[in-house]
Amino acid sequence: IRAVDKSEKVDEDEYLGLLYDAGLSYDQAREFDSLLDV
């Protein structure tokens, strides 16, 4: 969630890296992020 909070302040690679560090795979991170487009 802290990574999501930073999502608009950092570039995409850093954002996905933060989600990866939190436990998601890169594919899961992209899938999770796409859900937030609602």
ModelCIF file with pLDDT and N, C-alpha, C, O atoms, coordinates in Angstrom:
data_MODEL
#
_entry.id   MODEL 
#
_entity.id                         1 
_entity.type                       polymer 
_entity.pdbx_number_of_molecules   1 
#
_entity_poly.entity_id                      1 
_entity_poly.type                           'polypeptide(L)' 
_entity_poly.nstd_linkage                   no 
_entity_poly.nstd_monomer                   no 
_entity_poly.pdbx_seq_one_letter_code       IRAVDKSEKVDEDEYLGLLYDAGLSYDQAREFDSLLDV 
_entity_poly.pdbx_seq_one_letter_code_can   IRAVDKSEKVDEDEYLGLLYDAGLSYDQAREFDSLLDV 
_entity_poly.pdbx_strand_id                 A 
#
loop_
_entity_poly_seq.entity_id 
_entity_poly_seq.num 
_entity_poly_seq.mon_id 
_entity_poly_seq.hetero 
1 1  ILE n 
1 2  ARG n 
1 3  ALA n 
1 4  VAL n 
1 5  ASP n 
1 6  LYS n 
1 7  SER n 
1 8  GLU n 
1 9  LYS n 
1 10 VAL n 
1 11 ASP n 
1 12 GLU n 
1 13 ASP n 
1 14 GLU n 
1 15 TYR n 
1 16 LEU n 
1 17 GLY n 
1 18 LEU n 
1 19 LEU n 
1 20 TYR n 
1 21 ASP n 
1 22 ALA n 
1 23 GLY n 
1 24 LEU n 
1 25 SER n 
1 26 TYR n 
1 27 ASP n 
1 28 GLN n 
1 29 ALA n 
1 30 ARG n 
1 31 GLU n 
1 32 PHE n 
1 33 ASP n 
1 34 SER n 
1 35 LEU n 
1 36 LEU n 
1 37 ASP n 
1 38 VAL n 
#
_struct_asym.id          A 
_struct_asym.entity_id   1 
#
loop_
_ma_qa_metric.id 
_ma_qa_metric.mode 
_ma_qa_metric.name 
_ma_qa_metric.software_group_id 
_ma_qa_metric.type 
1 global pLDDT . pLDDT 
2 local  pLDDT . pLDDT 
#
_ma_qa_metric_global.metric_id      1 
_ma_qa_metric_global.metric_value   93.29 
_ma_qa_metric_global.model_id       1 
_ma_qa_metric_global.ordinal_id     1 
#
loop_
_ma_qa_metric_local.label_asym_id 
_ma_qa_metric_local.label_comp_id 
_ma_qa_metric_local.label_seq_id 
_ma_qa_metric_local.metric_id 
_ma_qa_metric_local.metric_value 
_ma_qa_metric_local.model_id 
_ma_qa_metric_local.ordinal_id 
A ILE 1  2 93.00 1 1  
A ARG 2  2 92.00 1 2  
A ALA 3  2 94.00 1 3  
A VAL 4  2 93.00 1 4  
A ASP 5  2 91.00 1 5  
A LYS 6  2 90.00 1 6  
A SER 7  2 90.00 1 7  
A GLU 8  2 86.00 1 8  
A LYS 9  2 86.00 1 9  
A VAL 10 2 90.00 1 10 
A ASP 11 2 92.00 1 11 
A GLU 12 2 93.00 1 12 
A ASP 13 2 93.00 1 13 
A GLU 14 2 95.00 1 14 
A TYR 15 2 94.00 1 15 
A LEU 16 2 95.00 1 16 
A GLY 17 2 95.00 1 17 
A LEU 18 2 95.00 1 18 
A LEU 19 2 95.00 1 19 
A TYR 20 2 94.00 1 20 
A ASP 21 2 95.00 1 21 
A ALA 22 2 95.00 1 22 
A GLY 23 2 94.00 1 23 
A LEU 24 2 94.00 1 24 
A SER 25 2 94.00 1 25 
A TYR 26 2 95.00 1 26 
A ASP 27 2 95.00 1 27 
A GLN 28 2 95.00 1 28 
A ALA 29 2 94.00 1 29 
A ARG 30 2 96.00 1 30 
A GLU 31 2 95.00 1 31 
A PHE 32 2 94.00 1 32 
A ASP 33 2 94.00 1 33 
A SER 34 2 95.00 1 34 
A LEU 35 2 94.00 1 35 
A LEU 36 2 94.00 1 36 
A ASP 37 2 93.00 1 37 
A VAL 38 2 93.00 1 38 
#
loop_
_atom_site.group_PDB 
_atom_site.id 
_atom_site.type_symbol 
_atom_site.label_atom_id 
_atom_site.label_alt_id 
_atom_site.label_comp_id 
_atom_site.label_asym_id 
_atom_site.label_entity_id 
_atom_site.label_seq_id 
_atom_site.pdbx_PDB_ins_code 
_atom_site.Cartn_x 
_atom_site.Cartn_y 
_atom_site.Cartn_z 
_atom_site.occupancy 
_atom_site.B_iso_or_equiv 
_atom_site.pdbx_formal_charge 
_atom_site.auth_seq_id 
_atom_site.auth_comp_id 
_atom_site.auth_asym_id 
_atom_site.auth_atom_id 
_atom_site.pdbx_PDB_model_num 
ATOM 1   N N  . ILE A 1 1  ? 0.835   -1.198  0.000   1.00 93.00 ? 1  ILE A N  1 
ATOM 2   C CA . ILE A 1 1  ? 0.000   0.000   0.000   1.00 93.00 ? 1  ILE A CA 1 
ATOM 3   C C  . ILE A 1 1  ? 0.871   1.250   0.000   1.00 93.00 ? 1  ILE A C  1 
ATOM 4   O O  . ILE A 1 1  ? 0.522   2.249   -0.629  1.00 93.00 ? 1  ILE A O  1 
ATOM 5   N N  . ARG A 1 2  ? 1.999   1.202   0.699   1.00 92.00 ? 2  ARG A N  1 
ATOM 6   C CA . ARG A 1 2  ? 2.930   2.341   0.634   1.00 92.00 ? 2  ARG A CA 1 
ATOM 7   C C  . ARG A 1 2  ? 3.435   2.531   -0.794  1.00 92.00 ? 2  ARG A C  1 
ATOM 8   O O  . ARG A 1 2  ? 3.637   3.660   -1.242  1.00 92.00 ? 2  ARG A O  1 
ATOM 9   N N  . ALA A 1 3  ? 3.638   1.423   -1.504  1.00 94.00 ? 3  ALA A N  1 
ATOM 10  C CA . ALA A 1 3  ? 4.062   1.525   -2.899  1.00 94.00 ? 3  ALA A CA 1 
ATOM 11  C C  . ALA A 1 3  ? 2.992   2.203   -3.749  1.00 94.00 ? 3  ALA A C  1 
ATOM 12  O O  . ALA A 1 3  ? 3.300   3.048   -4.590  1.00 94.00 ? 3  ALA A O  1 
ATOM 13  N N  . VAL A 1 4  ? 1.722   1.825   -3.523  1.00 93.00 ? 4  VAL A N  1 
ATOM 14  C CA . VAL A 1 4  ? 0.622   2.473   -4.251  1.00 93.00 ? 4  VAL A CA 1 
ATOM 15  C C  . VAL A 1 4  ? 0.607   3.965   -3.954  1.00 93.00 ? 4  VAL A C  1 
ATOM 16  O O  . VAL A 1 4  ? 0.379   4.779   -4.848  1.00 93.00 ? 4  VAL A O  1 
ATOM 17  N N  . ASP A 1 5  ? 0.848   4.320   -2.705  1.00 91.00 ? 5  ASP A N  1 
ATOM 18  C CA . ASP A 1 5  ? 0.866   5.725   -2.322  1.00 91.00 ? 5  ASP A CA 1 
ATOM 19  C C  . ASP A 1 5  ? 1.934   6.503   -3.084  1.00 91.00 ? 5  ASP A C  1 
ATOM 20  O O  . ASP A 1 5  ? 1.785   7.701   -3.325  1.00 91.00 ? 5  ASP A O  1 
ATOM 21  N N  . LYS A 1 6  ? 3.007   5.821   -3.462  1.00 90.00 ? 6  LYS A N  1 
ATOM 22  C CA . LYS A 1 6  ? 4.112   6.475   -4.180  1.00 90.00 ? 6  LYS A CA 1 
ATOM 23  C C  . LYS A 1 6  ? 3.977   6.359   -5.691  1.00 90.00 ? 6  LYS A C  1 
ATOM 24  O O  . LYS A 1 6  ? 4.813   6.888   -6.424  1.00 90.00 ? 6  LYS A O  1 
ATOM 25  N N  . SER A 1 7  ? 2.935   5.673   -6.175  1.00 90.00 ? 7  SER A N  1 
ATOM 26  C CA . SER A 1 7  ? 2.863   5.292   -7.584  1.00 90.00 ? 7  SER A CA 1 
ATOM 27  C C  . SER A 1 7  ? 2.906   6.472   -8.545  1.00 90.00 ? 7  SER A C  1 
ATOM 28  O O  . SER A 1 7  ? 3.431   6.352   -9.652  1.00 90.00 ? 7  SER A O  1 
ATOM 29  N N  . GLU A 1 8  ? 2.362   7.608   -8.131  1.00 86.00 ? 8  GLU A N  1 
ATOM 30  C CA . GLU A 1 8  ? 2.345   8.764   -9.028  1.00 86.00 ? 8  GLU A CA 1 
ATOM 31  C C  . GLU A 1 8  ? 3.537   9.684   -8.806  1.00 86.00 ? 8  GLU A C  1 
ATOM 32  O O  . GLU A 1 8  ? 3.656   10.726  -9.451  1.00 86.00 ? 8  GLU A O  1 
ATOM 33  N N  . LYS A 1 9  ? 4.421   9.293   -7.885  1.00 86.00 ? 9  LYS A N  1 
ATOM 34  C CA . LYS A 1 9  ? 5.595   10.113  -7.583  1.00 86.00 ? 9  LYS A CA 1 
ATOM 35  C C  . LYS A 1 9  ? 6.890   9.491   -8.108  1.00 86.00 ? 9  LYS A C  1 
ATOM 36  O O  . LYS A 1 9  ? 7.932   10.146  -8.122  1.00 86.00 ? 9  LYS A O  1 
ATOM 37  N N  . VAL A 1 10 ? 6.825   8.229   -8.540  1.00 90.00 ? 10 VAL A N  1 
ATOM 38  C CA . VAL A 1 10 ? 8.012   7.535   -9.046  1.00 90.00 ? 10 VAL A CA 1 
ATOM 39  C C  . VAL A 1 10 ? 7.695   6.970   -10.426 1.00 90.00 ? 10 VAL A C  1 
ATOM 40  O O  . VAL A 1 10 ? 6.532   6.911   -10.828 1.00 90.00 ? 10 VAL A O  1 
ATOM 41  N N  . ASP A 1 11 ? 8.745   6.552   -11.158 1.00 92.00 ? 11 ASP A N  1 
ATOM 42  C CA . ASP A 1 11 ? 8.486   5.983   -12.485 1.00 92.00 ? 11 ASP A CA 1 
ATOM 43  C C  . ASP A 1 11 ? 7.960   4.558   -12.351 1.00 92.00 ? 11 ASP A C  1 
ATOM 44  O O  . ASP A 1 11 ? 7.996   3.967   -11.272 1.00 92.00 ? 11 ASP A O  1 
ATOM 45  N N  . GLU A 1 12 ? 7.469   4.018   -13.466 1.00 93.00 ? 12 GLU A N  1 
ATOM 46  C CA . GLU A 1 12 ? 6.783   2.727   -13.441 1.00 93.00 ? 12 GLU A CA 1 
ATOM 47  C C  . GLU A 1 12 ? 7.688   1.609   -12.956 1.00 93.00 ? 12 GLU A C  1 
ATOM 48  O O  . GLU A 1 12 ? 7.259   0.757   -12.178 1.00 93.00 ? 12 GLU A O  1 
ATOM 49  N N  . ASP A 1 13 ? 8.944   1.602   -13.410 1.00 93.00 ? 13 ASP A N  1 
ATOM 50  C CA . ASP A 1 13 ? 9.851   0.525   -13.020 1.00 93.00 ? 13 ASP A CA 1 
ATOM 51  C C  . ASP A 1 13 ? 10.085  0.538   -11.509 1.00 93.00 ? 13 ASP A C  1 
ATOM 52  O O  . ASP A 1 13 ? 10.109  -0.518  -10.877 1.00 93.00 ? 13 ASP A O  1 
ATOM 53  N N  . GLU A 1 14 ? 10.254  1.711   -10.936 1.00 95.00 ? 14 GLU A N  1 
ATOM 54  C CA . GLU A 1 14 ? 10.469  1.779   -9.494  1.00 95.00 ? 14 GLU A CA 1 
ATOM 55  C C  . GLU A 1 14 ? 9.216   1.356   -8.745  1.00 95.00 ? 14 GLU A C  1 
ATOM 56  O O  . GLU A 1 14 ? 9.297   0.663   -7.731  1.00 95.00 ? 14 GLU A O  1 
ATOM 57  N N  . TYR A 1 15 ? 8.062   1.770   -9.243  1.00 94.00 ? 15 TYR A N  1 
ATOM 58  C CA . TYR A 1 15 ? 6.799   1.389   -8.613  1.00 94.00 ? 15 TYR A CA 1 
ATOM 59  C C  . TYR A 1 15 ? 6.612   -0.126  -8.632  1.00 94.00 ? 15 TYR A C  1 
ATOM 60  O O  . TYR A 1 15 ? 6.300   -0.730  -7.605  1.00 94.00 ? 15 TYR A O  1 
ATOM 61  N N  . LEU A 1 16 ? 6.802   -0.736  -9.797  1.00 95.00 ? 16 LEU A N  1 
ATOM 62  C CA . LEU A 1 16 ? 6.660   -2.187  -9.881  1.00 95.00 ? 16 LEU A CA 1 
ATOM 63  C C  . LEU A 1 16 ? 7.698   -2.883  -9.014  1.00 95.00 ? 16 LEU A C  1 
ATOM 64  O O  . LEU A 1 16 ? 7.424   -3.934  -8.434  1.00 95.00 ? 16 LEU A O  1 
ATOM 65  N N  . GLY A 1 17 ? 8.876   -2.305  -8.927  1.00 95.00 ? 17 GLY A N  1 
ATOM 66  C CA . GLY A 1 17 ? 9.912   -2.862  -8.063  1.00 95.00 ? 17 GLY A CA 1 
ATOM 67  C C  . GLY A 1 17 ? 9.511   -2.836  -6.603  1.00 95.00 ? 17 GLY A C  1 
ATOM 68  O O  . GLY A 1 17 ? 9.818   -3.765  -5.855  1.00 95.00 ? 17 GLY A O  1 
ATOM 69  N N  . LEU A 1 18 ? 8.827   -1.780  -6.190  1.00 95.00 ? 18 LEU A N  1 
ATOM 70  C CA . LEU A 1 18 ? 8.356   -1.709  -4.810  1.00 95.00 ? 18 LEU A CA 1 
ATOM 71  C C  . LEU A 1 18 ? 7.300   -2.766  -4.531  1.00 95.00 ? 18 LEU A C  1 
ATOM 72  O O  . LEU A 1 18 ? 7.288   -3.369  -3.458  1.00 95.00 ? 18 LEU A O  1 
ATOM 73  N N  . LEU A 1 19 ? 6.406   -2.994  -5.502  1.00 95.00 ? 19 LEU A N  1 
ATOM 74  C CA . LEU A 1 19 ? 5.406   -4.056  -5.337  1.00 95.00 ? 19 LEU A CA 1 
ATOM 75  C C  . LEU A 1 19 ? 6.080   -5.427  -5.323  1.00 95.00 ? 19 LEU A C  1 
ATOM 76  O O  . LEU A 1 19 ? 5.657   -6.315  -4.582  1.00 95.00 ? 19 LEU A O  1 
ATOM 77  N N  . TYR A 1 20 ? 7.123   -5.607  -6.135  1.00 94.00 ? 20 TYR A N  1 
ATOM 78  C CA . TYR A 1 20 ? 7.880   -6.861  -6.129  1.00 94.00 ? 20 TYR A CA 1 
ATOM 79  C C  . TYR A 1 20 ? 8.537   -7.078  -4.775  1.00 94.00 ? 20 TYR A C  1 
ATOM 80  O O  . TYR A 1 20 ? 8.504   -8.181  -4.228  1.00 94.00 ? 20 TYR A O  1 
ATOM 81  N N  . ASP A 1 21 ? 9.129   -6.030  -4.243  1.00 95.00 ? 21 ASP A N  1 
ATOM 82  C CA . ASP A 1 21 ? 9.758   -6.130  -2.922  1.00 95.00 ? 21 ASP A CA 1 
ATOM 83  C C  . ASP A 1 21 ? 8.738   -6.472  -1.842  1.00 95.00 ? 21 ASP A C  1 
ATOM 84  O O  . ASP A 1 21 ? 9.081   -7.075  -0.826  1.00 95.00 ? 21 ASP A O  1 
ATOM 85  N N  . ALA A 1 22 ? 7.472   -6.083  -2.066  1.00 95.00 ? 22 ALA A N  1 
ATOM 86  C CA . ALA A 1 22 ? 6.414   -6.362  -1.090  1.00 95.00 ? 22 ALA A CA 1 
ATOM 87  C C  . ALA A 1 22 ? 5.872   -7.790  -1.215  1.00 95.00 ? 22 ALA A C  1 
ATOM 88  O O  . ALA A 1 22 ? 5.072   -8.223  -0.386  1.00 95.00 ? 22 ALA A O  1 
ATOM 89  N N  . GLY A 1 23 ? 6.304   -8.519  -2.248  1.00 94.00 ? 23 GLY A N  1 
ATOM 90  C CA . GLY A 1 23 ? 5.912   -9.929  -2.332  1.00 94.00 ? 23 GLY A CA 1 
ATOM 91  C C  . GLY A 1 23 ? 5.206   -10.358 -3.595  1.00 94.00 ? 23 GLY A C  1 
ATOM 92  O O  . GLY A 1 23 ? 5.003   -11.555 -3.800  1.00 94.00 ? 23 GLY A O  1 
ATOM 93  N N  . LEU A 1 24 ? 4.824   -9.426  -4.453  1.00 94.00 ? 24 LEU A N  1 
ATOM 94  C CA . LEU A 1 24 ? 4.178   -9.790  -5.713  1.00 94.00 ? 24 LEU A CA 1 
ATOM 95  C C  . LEU A 1 24 ? 5.232   -10.089 -6.771  1.00 94.00 ? 24 LEU A C  1 
ATOM 96  O O  . LEU A 1 24 ? 6.320   -9.513  -6.756  1.00 94.00 ? 24 LEU A O  1 
ATOM 97  N N  . SER A 1 25 ? 4.906   -10.987 -7.683  1.00 94.00 ? 25 SER A N  1 
ATOM 98  C CA . SER A 1 25 ? 5.758   -11.132 -8.862  1.00 94.00 ? 25 SER A CA 1 
ATOM 99  C C  . SER A 1 25 ? 5.518   -9.924  -9.767  1.00 94.00 ? 25 SER A C  1 
ATOM 100 O O  . SER A 1 25 ? 4.567   -9.167  -9.569  1.00 94.00 ? 25 SER A O  1 
ATOM 101 N N  . TYR A 1 26 ? 6.391   -9.752  -10.762 1.00 95.00 ? 26 TYR A N  1 
ATOM 102 C CA . TYR A 1 26 ? 6.197   -8.601  -11.656 1.00 95.00 ? 26 TYR A CA 1 
ATOM 103 C C  . TYR A 1 26 ? 4.895   -8.722  -12.439 1.00 95.00 ? 26 TYR A C  1 
ATOM 104 O O  . TYR A 1 26 ? 4.229   -7.716  -12.684 1.00 95.00 ? 26 TYR A O  1 
ATOM 105 N N  . ASP A 1 27 ? 4.521   -9.943  -12.838 1.00 95.00 ? 27 ASP A N  1 
ATOM 106 C CA . ASP A 1 27 ? 3.251   -10.120 -13.544 1.00 95.00 ? 27 ASP A CA 1 
ATOM 107 C C  . ASP A 1 27 ? 2.075   -9.807  -12.614 1.00 95.00 ? 27 ASP A C  1 
ATOM 108 O O  . ASP A 1 27 ? 1.106   -9.166  -13.021 1.00 95.00 ? 27 ASP A O  1 
ATOM 109 N N  . GLN A 1 28 ? 2.171   -10.263 -11.370 1.00 95.00 ? 28 GLN A N  1 
ATOM 110 C CA . GLN A 1 28 ? 1.111   -9.960  -10.412 1.00 95.00 ? 28 GLN A CA 1 
ATOM 111 C C  . GLN A 1 28 ? 1.041   -8.465  -10.124 1.00 95.00 ? 28 GLN A C  1 
ATOM 112 O O  . GLN A 1 28 ? -0.044  -7.907  -9.961  1.00 95.00 ? 28 GLN A O  1 
ATOM 113 N N  . ALA A 1 29 ? 2.189   -7.830  -10.063 1.00 94.00 ? 29 ALA A N  1 
ATOM 114 C CA . ALA A 1 29 ? 2.222   -6.392  -9.799  1.00 94.00 ? 29 ALA A CA 1 
ATOM 115 C C  . ALA A 1 29 ? 1.513   -5.628  -10.915 1.00 94.00 ? 29 ALA A C  1 
ATOM 116 O O  . ALA A 1 29 ? 0.749   -4.699  -10.655 1.00 94.00 ? 29 ALA A O  1 
ATOM 117 N N  . ARG A 1 30 ? 1.775   -6.030  -12.160 1.00 96.00 ? 30 ARG A N  1 
ATOM 118 C CA . ARG A 1 30 ? 1.111   -5.364  -13.281 1.00 96.00 ? 30 ARG A CA 1 
ATOM 119 C C  . ARG A 1 30 ? -0.397  -5.637  -13.258 1.00 96.00 ? 30 ARG A C  1 
ATOM 120 O O  . ARG A 1 30 ? -1.201  -4.746  -13.533 1.00 96.00 ? 30 ARG A O  1 
ATOM 121 N N  . GLU A 1 31 ? -0.768  -6.872  -12.929 1.00 95.00 ? 31 GLU A N  1 
ATOM 122 C CA . GLU A 1 31 ? -2.185  -7.219  -12.880 1.00 95.00 ? 31 GLU A CA 1 
ATOM 123 C C  . GLU A 1 31 ? -2.888  -6.442  -11.771 1.00 95.00 ? 31 GLU A C  1 
ATOM 124 O O  . GLU A 1 31 ? -3.981  -5.910  -11.963 1.00 95.00 ? 31 GLU A O  1 
ATOM 125 N N  . PHE A 1 32 ? -2.243  -6.386  -10.610 1.00 94.00 ? 32 PHE A N  1 
ATOM 126 C CA . PHE A 1 32 ? -2.816  -5.615  -9.497  1.00 94.00 ? 32 PHE A CA 1 
ATOM 127 C C  . PHE A 1 32 ? -2.975  -4.153  -9.884  1.00 94.00 ? 32 PHE A C  1 
ATOM 128 O O  . PHE A 1 32 ? -4.014  -3.547  -9.624  1.00 94.00 ? 32 PHE A O  1 
ATOM 129 N N  . ASP A 1 33 ? -1.953  -3.590  -10.502 1.00 94.00 ? 33 ASP A N  1 
ATOM 130 C CA . ASP A 1 33 ? -2.016  -2.170  -10.868 1.00 94.00 ? 33 ASP A CA 1 
ATOM 131 C C  . ASP A 1 33 ? -3.125  -1.914  -11.875 1.00 94.00 ? 33 ASP A C  1 
ATOM 132 O O  . ASP A 1 33 ? -3.772  -0.869  -11.824 1.00 94.00 ? 33 ASP A O  1 
ATOM 133 N N  . SER A 1 34 ? -3.356  -2.852  -12.793 1.00 95.00 ? 34 SER A N  1 
ATOM 134 C CA . SER A 1 34 ? -4.420  -2.650  -13.786 1.00 95.00 ? 34 SER A CA 1 
ATOM 135 C C  . SER A 1 34 ? -5.797  -2.623  -13.130 1.00 95.00 ? 34 SER A C  1 
ATOM 136 O O  . SER A 1 34 ? -6.712  -1.971  -13.633 1.00 95.00 ? 34 SER A O  1 
ATOM 137 N N  . LEU A 1 35 ? -5.949  -3.332  -12.004 1.00 94.00 ? 35 LEU A N  1 
ATOM 138 C CA . LEU A 1 35 ? -7.226  -3.318  -11.292 1.00 94.00 ? 35 LEU A CA 1 
ATOM 139 C C  . LEU A 1 35 ? -7.548  -1.932  -10.739 1.00 94.00 ? 35 LEU A C  1 
ATOM 140 O O  . LEU A 1 35 ? -8.713  -1.599  -10.518 1.00 94.00 ? 35 LEU A O  1 
ATOM 141 N N  . LEU A 1 36 ? -6.521  -1.135  -10.519 1.00 94.00 ? 36 LEU A N  1 
ATOM 142 C CA . LEU A 1 36 ? -6.713  0.182   -9.917  1.00 94.00 ? 36 LEU A CA 1 
ATOM 143 C C  . LEU A 1 36 ? -7.165  1.223   -10.927 1.00 94.00 ? 36 LEU A C  1 
ATOM 144 O O  . LEU A 1 36 ? -7.328  2.392   -10.579 1.00 94.00 ? 36 LEU A O  1 
ATOM 145 N N  . ASP A 1 37 ? -7.371  0.811   -12.177 1.00 93.00 ? 37 ASP A N  1 
ATOM 146 C CA . ASP A 1 37 ? -7.816  1.751   -13.213 1.00 93.00 ? 37 ASP A CA 1 
ATOM 147 C C  . ASP A 1 37 ? -9.297  2.091   -13.105 1.00 93.00 ? 37 ASP A C  1 
ATOM 148 O O  . ASP A 1 37 ? -9.769  2.986   -13.806 1.00 93.00 ? 37 ASP A O  1 
ATOM 149 N N  . VAL A 1 38 ? -10.044 1.396   -12.244 1.00 93.00 ? 38 VAL A N  1 
ATOM 150 C CA . VAL A 1 38 ? -11.482 1.650   -12.112 1.00 93.00 ? 38 VAL A CA 1 
ATOM 151 C C  . VAL A 1 38 ? -11.716 3.107   -11.727 1.00 93.00 ? 38 VAL A C  1 
ATOM 152 O O  . VAL A 1 38 ? -12.861 3.527   -11.566 1.00 93.00 ? 38 VAL A O  1 
#
